[in-house]
Amino acid sequence: MLAEQPDAKILAGGQSLMPMLNLRVAAPAALVDINRVAELSFIEVDGGEIRIGAMTRHRALETSPEIRAALPILARGALEIGHLAIRNRGTIGGSLVHADPAAEWPLLAVLLDAKLVARSTHGARTIAAREFFPGPLTSAIEPDEILTEIRFPILPAATRFGFAEICRRRGDFAIVAVACAIGFDSRNHCVSAEISIGGANPTPMIAAAAGATLKSTNEANAIEAAAEMAAAAADPSSDIHASAEFRRRLVRVLTERALRQCFDTAQVEEALDA
């Protein structure tokens, strides 16, 4: 149907599409409900990857023992999505294709450089997460394609994760969110650093210069310097929720908070158990 009717839309969890239909923002010619395609809902550890079906619900990822053991940052991010009713219904694939720049799954997919598998009548293709979001509310999925699977790399055991976001009310979209993955060597020195920012750019972004700062120095002020560089790299806009200036300030504050979770193991364990 997607191949024959380009104006058709996929219905997964419906947590984004149904409000758009109710508000008459979207008016597709047809809905293709994939909820009964059980093969699209799974969590599997496969070698050095975690494979997740596109129809996997947020709540399943929040509570999965495999996720918590291999990539706890995914469980941490899932916990921040909406309310329990939304997490019980919404799907990771739906969130990624919806491509809200303030949503948690796009932020984490970009952070971990996930691979997304799309399928159509012409076959399958794999898209890097950092190339999946060409613009706000826009993904690389073609009209005749369906997202079937997301593959997250399992990082070395010495990697620590941080996550921080601010929203007006519990369950709202984040005004700004920051996630980071920091690798350490046997001397507890930073050897790899990735920082992703959501809500302060048209698409989720990697603060590459900020990460490089952490790797190049072990000075006490490295975290503050990285936070300042992340704020400088952001390109926020103003809207009814926050001004651009306020968003930029949040990038600095939240980057520092997320990084401190990585350098203080007690903080990150407390955050994951929250």
Protein backbone atom coordinates (compact mmCIF):
# COMPACT_ATOMS: atom_id res chain seq x y z
CA MET A 1 0.00 0.00 0.00
CA LEU A 2 2.84 2.40 0.77
CA ALA A 3 4.32 1.74 -2.67
CA GLU A 4 1.00 2.22 -4.45
CA GLN A 5 -0.32 5.13 -2.37
CA PRO A 6 2.45 7.60 -1.44
CA ASP A 7 0.06 9.61 0.73
CA ALA A 8 -0.49 6.68 3.11
CA LYS A 9 0.98 6.80 6.63
CA ILE A 10 2.20 4.13 9.03
CA LEU A 11 0.29 3.81 12.31
CA ALA A 12 2.52 2.41 15.06
CA GLY A 13 2.01 3.63 18.64
CA GLY A 14 -0.01 6.61 17.42
CA GLN A 15 1.28 8.96 20.13
CA SER A 16 2.36 11.55 17.54
CA LEU A 17 0.21 10.74 14.52
CA MET A 18 -3.17 10.62 16.26
CA PRO A 19 -2.88 14.13 17.79
CA MET A 20 -1.84 15.41 14.35
CA LEU A 21 -4.93 13.80 12.82
CA ASN A 22 -7.17 15.23 15.54
CA LEU A 23 -5.77 18.72 14.96
CA ARG A 24 -6.09 18.31 11.16
CA VAL A 25 -2.35 18.88 10.80
CA ALA A 26 -2.10 15.59 8.91
CA ALA A 27 -4.64 14.10 6.51
CA PRO A 28 -3.19 10.92 4.96
CA ALA A 29 -5.09 9.07 2.26
CA ALA A 30 -4.83 5.84 4.25
CA LEU A 31 -3.41 4.45 7.50
CA VAL A 32 -1.35 1.26 7.52
CA ASP A 33 -1.64 -0.23 11.01
CA ILE A 34 1.41 -2.38 11.81
CA ASN A 35 0.55 -3.12 15.45
CA ARG A 36 -0.17 -6.79 14.75
CA VAL A 37 3.18 -7.39 13.04
CA ALA A 38 4.70 -9.16 16.05
CA GLU A 39 8.04 -9.67 14.29
CA LEU A 40 8.71 -5.92 14.55
CA SER A 41 8.79 -5.98 18.36
CA PHE A 42 11.96 -7.45 19.87
CA ILE A 43 15.11 -6.74 21.87
CA GLU A 44 18.10 -8.94 21.03
CA VAL A 45 21.78 -8.85 21.96
CA ASP A 46 23.62 -9.90 18.81
CA GLY A 47 27.40 -9.93 19.18
CA GLY A 48 28.51 -6.35 19.70
CA GLU A 49 25.07 -4.86 19.00
CA ILE A 50 21.64 -4.54 20.52
CA ARG A 51 18.98 -5.02 17.86
CA ILE A 52 15.61 -3.44 18.60
CA GLY A 53 12.47 -3.86 16.52
CA ALA A 54 10.83 -0.64 15.44
CA MET A 55 7.53 -1.59 17.13
CA THR A 56 9.17 -2.10 20.53
CA ARG A 57 7.36 0.01 23.13
CA HIS A 58 9.16 2.60 25.22
CA ARG A 59 8.19 0.78 28.42
CA ALA A 60 9.79 -2.45 27.22
CA LEU A 61 13.08 -0.62 26.70
CA GLU A 62 12.78 1.12 30.05
CA THR A 63 12.43 -2.19 31.92
CA SER A 64 14.50 -4.58 29.78
CA PRO A 65 17.27 -6.37 31.78
CA GLU A 66 19.30 -6.74 28.57
CA ILE A 67 19.14 -3.00 27.91
CA ARG A 68 20.05 -2.09 31.49
CA ALA A 69 23.02 -4.44 31.43
CA ALA A 70 24.44 -3.53 28.01
CA LEU A 71 23.35 0.09 27.35
CA PRO A 72 21.75 1.60 30.49
CA ILE A 73 21.55 5.02 28.84
CA LEU A 74 18.68 3.66 26.70
CA ALA A 75 16.67 2.71 29.78
CA ARG A 76 17.46 6.11 31.30
CA GLY A 77 16.24 7.93 28.21
CA ALA A 78 13.09 5.81 27.92
CA LEU A 79 12.16 6.73 31.50
CA GLU A 80 11.95 10.40 30.50
CA ILE A 81 9.44 9.86 27.67
CA GLY A 82 5.99 11.26 28.44
CA HIS A 83 3.86 9.50 31.03
CA LEU A 84 3.47 5.79 31.75
CA ALA A 85 0.44 5.49 29.45
CA ILE A 86 2.45 7.01 26.59
CA ARG A 87 5.44 4.74 27.27
CA ASN A 88 3.15 1.71 27.27
CA ARG A 89 1.85 2.60 23.80
CA GLY A 90 4.51 4.61 21.98
CA THR A 91 7.25 2.91 19.96
CA ILE A 92 10.93 3.61 19.38
CA GLY A 93 10.47 3.43 15.61
CA GLY A 94 7.59 5.88 15.64
CA SER A 95 9.58 8.38 17.67
CA LEU A 96 12.61 8.14 15.38
CA VAL A 97 10.59 8.58 12.19
CA HIS A 98 8.62 11.47 13.73
CA ALA A 99 12.05 13.08 14.29
CA ASP A 100 11.16 15.67 16.90
CA PRO A 101 14.48 17.42 17.66
CA ALA A 102 13.63 17.46 21.38
CA ALA A 103 12.70 13.76 21.66
CA GLU A 104 14.83 11.28 23.56
CA TRP A 105 15.24 8.52 20.95
CA PRO A 106 16.67 10.73 18.19
CA LEU A 107 19.06 12.21 20.78
CA LEU A 108 20.30 8.76 21.87
CA ALA A 109 20.43 7.32 18.36
CA VAL A 110 22.71 10.17 17.31
CA LEU A 111 24.82 9.87 20.48
CA LEU A 112 25.50 6.17 19.92
CA ASP A 113 25.66 6.43 16.12
CA ALA A 114 22.98 3.77 15.73
CA LYS A 115 22.14 2.12 12.43
CA LEU A 116 18.52 2.17 11.25
CA VAL A 117 17.16 -0.45 8.86
CA ALA A 118 14.41 0.58 6.43
CA ARG A 119 12.55 -1.78 4.12
CA SER A 120 10.36 -1.35 1.05
CA THR A 121 9.21 -3.49 -1.85
CA HIS A 122 12.65 -2.82 -3.36
CA GLY A 123 14.54 -4.36 -0.44
CA ALA A 124 16.30 -3.11 2.71
CA ARG A 125 18.85 -0.39 3.36
CA THR A 126 20.75 0.75 6.43
CA ILE A 127 20.96 4.43 7.41
CA ALA A 128 23.33 5.93 9.97
CA ALA A 129 21.48 7.80 12.71
CA ARG A 130 23.66 10.86 12.17
CA GLU A 131 22.36 11.01 8.59
CA PHE A 132 18.76 10.10 9.44
CA PHE A 133 17.52 13.56 10.46
CA PRO A 134 17.95 16.07 7.60
CA GLY A 135 15.71 18.63 9.31
CA PRO A 136 13.21 19.17 12.13
CA LEU A 137 10.34 16.66 12.02
CA THR A 138 11.94 15.14 8.93
CA SER A 139 13.60 11.75 8.58
CA ALA A 140 15.43 9.94 5.78
CA ILE A 141 12.60 7.38 5.44
CA GLU A 142 11.09 7.40 1.95
CA PRO A 143 7.29 7.40 1.50
CA ASP A 144 7.29 3.73 0.45
CA GLU A 145 9.56 2.56 3.29
CA ILE A 146 9.00 1.33 6.82
CA LEU A 147 11.56 1.43 9.61
CA THR A 148 11.98 -2.15 10.81
CA GLU A 149 14.97 -2.24 13.14
CA ILE A 150 17.45 -0.12 15.10
CA ARG A 151 20.95 -1.39 15.89
CA PHE A 152 22.84 0.17 18.78
CA PRO A 153 26.55 -0.66 19.25
CA ILE A 154 27.46 -2.01 22.68
CA LEU A 155 30.25 0.21 23.98
CA PRO A 156 33.25 -0.98 26.06
CA ALA A 157 32.56 -1.85 29.68
CA ALA A 158 34.58 1.16 30.88
CA THR A 159 32.14 3.56 29.19
CA ARG A 160 30.02 5.70 31.50
CA PHE A 161 26.86 7.53 30.51
CA GLY A 162 25.22 10.78 31.53
CA PHE A 163 21.76 12.15 30.80
CA ALA A 164 20.08 15.41 31.80
CA GLU A 165 17.01 17.24 30.53
CA ILE A 166 14.70 20.07 31.53
CA CYS A 167 10.96 20.22 30.79
CA ARG A 168 8.25 22.47 32.18
CA ARG A 169 6.18 19.62 33.57
CA ARG A 170 6.86 15.95 34.06
CA GLY A 171 5.94 14.24 30.80
CA ASP A 172 6.41 17.28 28.54
CA PHE A 173 8.90 17.33 25.70
CA ALA A 174 12.30 18.50 26.85
CA ILE A 175 13.16 22.15 26.38
CA VAL A 176 16.76 20.95 26.16
CA ALA A 177 18.26 17.48 26.71
CA VAL A 178 21.88 16.35 26.79
CA ALA A 179 23.30 12.82 26.72
CA CYS A 180 26.93 11.74 26.81
CA ALA A 181 29.03 8.59 26.59
CA ILE A 182 32.53 8.83 28.03
CA GLY A 183 35.14 6.06 27.76
CA PHE A 184 37.90 5.65 30.34
CA ASP A 185 41.17 3.72 30.39
CA SER A 186 42.66 1.76 33.30
CA ARG A 187 44.04 4.98 34.80
CA ASN A 188 40.57 6.55 34.77
CA HIS A 189 41.58 8.96 32.00
CA CYS A 190 39.05 9.96 29.35
CA VAL A 191 39.89 8.26 26.04
CA SER A 192 36.62 8.78 24.14
CA ALA A 193 33.82 11.30 24.50
CA GLU A 194 30.54 11.82 22.68
CA ILE A 195 28.03 14.51 23.66
CA SER A 196 24.66 14.90 21.95
CA ILE A 197 22.22 17.77 22.39
CA GLY A 198 18.49 17.86 21.71
CA GLY A 199 16.04 20.76 21.70
CA ALA A 200 18.67 23.41 20.99
CA ASN A 201 19.20 22.78 17.28
CA PRO A 202 16.96 22.01 14.29
CA THR A 203 18.12 18.37 14.63
CA PRO A 204 19.90 16.40 17.37
CA MET A 205 23.56 17.39 17.24
CA ILE A 206 26.94 16.07 18.31
CA ALA A 207 29.10 18.59 20.18
CA ALA A 208 32.34 17.30 18.66
CA ALA A 209 34.62 20.09 19.88
CA ALA A 210 33.35 19.68 23.44
CA GLY A 211 34.09 15.97 23.34
CA ALA A 212 37.56 16.61 21.98
CA THR A 213 38.27 18.96 24.88
CA LEU A 214 37.56 16.21 27.38
CA LYS A 215 39.94 13.82 25.61
CA SER A 216 42.77 16.31 25.25
CA THR A 217 43.03 17.40 28.87
CA ASN A 218 42.52 16.02 32.35
CA GLU A 219 42.45 19.41 34.02
CA ALA A 220 39.90 20.04 36.72
CA ASN A 221 38.09 22.62 34.58
CA ALA A 222 37.70 20.32 31.53
CA ILE A 223 34.01 19.72 32.25
CA GLU A 224 33.25 23.43 32.48
CA ALA A 225 35.21 24.11 29.28
CA ALA A 226 33.36 21.33 27.44
CA ALA A 227 30.01 22.69 28.64
CA GLU A 228 30.88 26.18 27.37
CA MET A 229 31.92 24.76 24.00
CA ALA A 230 28.70 22.75 23.72
CA ALA A 231 26.65 25.88 24.39
CA ALA A 232 28.62 27.81 21.79
CA ALA A 233 28.02 25.07 19.19
CA ALA A 234 24.25 24.97 19.70
CA ASP A 235 21.94 26.86 17.38
CA PRO A 236 18.73 27.30 19.40
CA SER A 237 15.63 29.19 18.37
CA SER A 238 13.02 31.02 20.42
CA ASP A 239 9.44 29.81 20.80
CA ILE A 240 6.61 29.95 23.34
CA HIS A 241 8.49 27.57 25.64
CA ALA A 242 11.87 29.28 25.88
CA SER A 243 14.04 31.95 24.33
CA ALA A 244 17.14 31.07 22.34
CA GLU A 245 19.30 32.65 25.04
CA PHE A 246 17.69 30.52 27.75
CA ARG A 247 18.10 27.34 25.69
CA ARG A 248 21.78 28.08 25.15
CA ARG A 249 22.24 28.54 28.87
CA LEU A 250 20.45 25.23 29.47
CA VAL A 251 22.84 23.50 27.09
CA ARG A 252 25.77 24.64 29.21
CA VAL A 253 24.15 23.69 32.52
CA LEU A 254 22.82 20.31 31.36
CA THR A 255 26.06 19.37 29.61
CA GLU A 256 27.93 19.97 32.83
CA ARG A 257 25.39 17.91 34.79
CA ALA A 258 25.50 15.01 32.35
CA LEU A 259 29.31 15.00 32.28
CA ARG A 260 29.57 15.06 36.04
CA GLN A 261 27.44 11.91 36.13
CA CYS A 262 30.14 10.22 34.04
CA PHE A 263 33.03 11.38 36.16
CA ASP A 264 31.18 10.63 39.42
CA THR A 265 30.00 6.99 39.28
CA ALA A 266 27.79 7.42 42.35
CA GLN A 267 25.78 10.08 40.48
CA VAL A 268 25.17 7.94 37.40
CA GLU A 269 24.13 4.90 39.46
CA GLU A 270 21.70 7.09 41.39
CA ALA A 271 20.25 8.47 38.13
CA LEU A 272 19.74 5.02 36.64
CA ASP A 273 18.00 3.77 39.79
CA ALA A 274 15.67 6.79 39.94
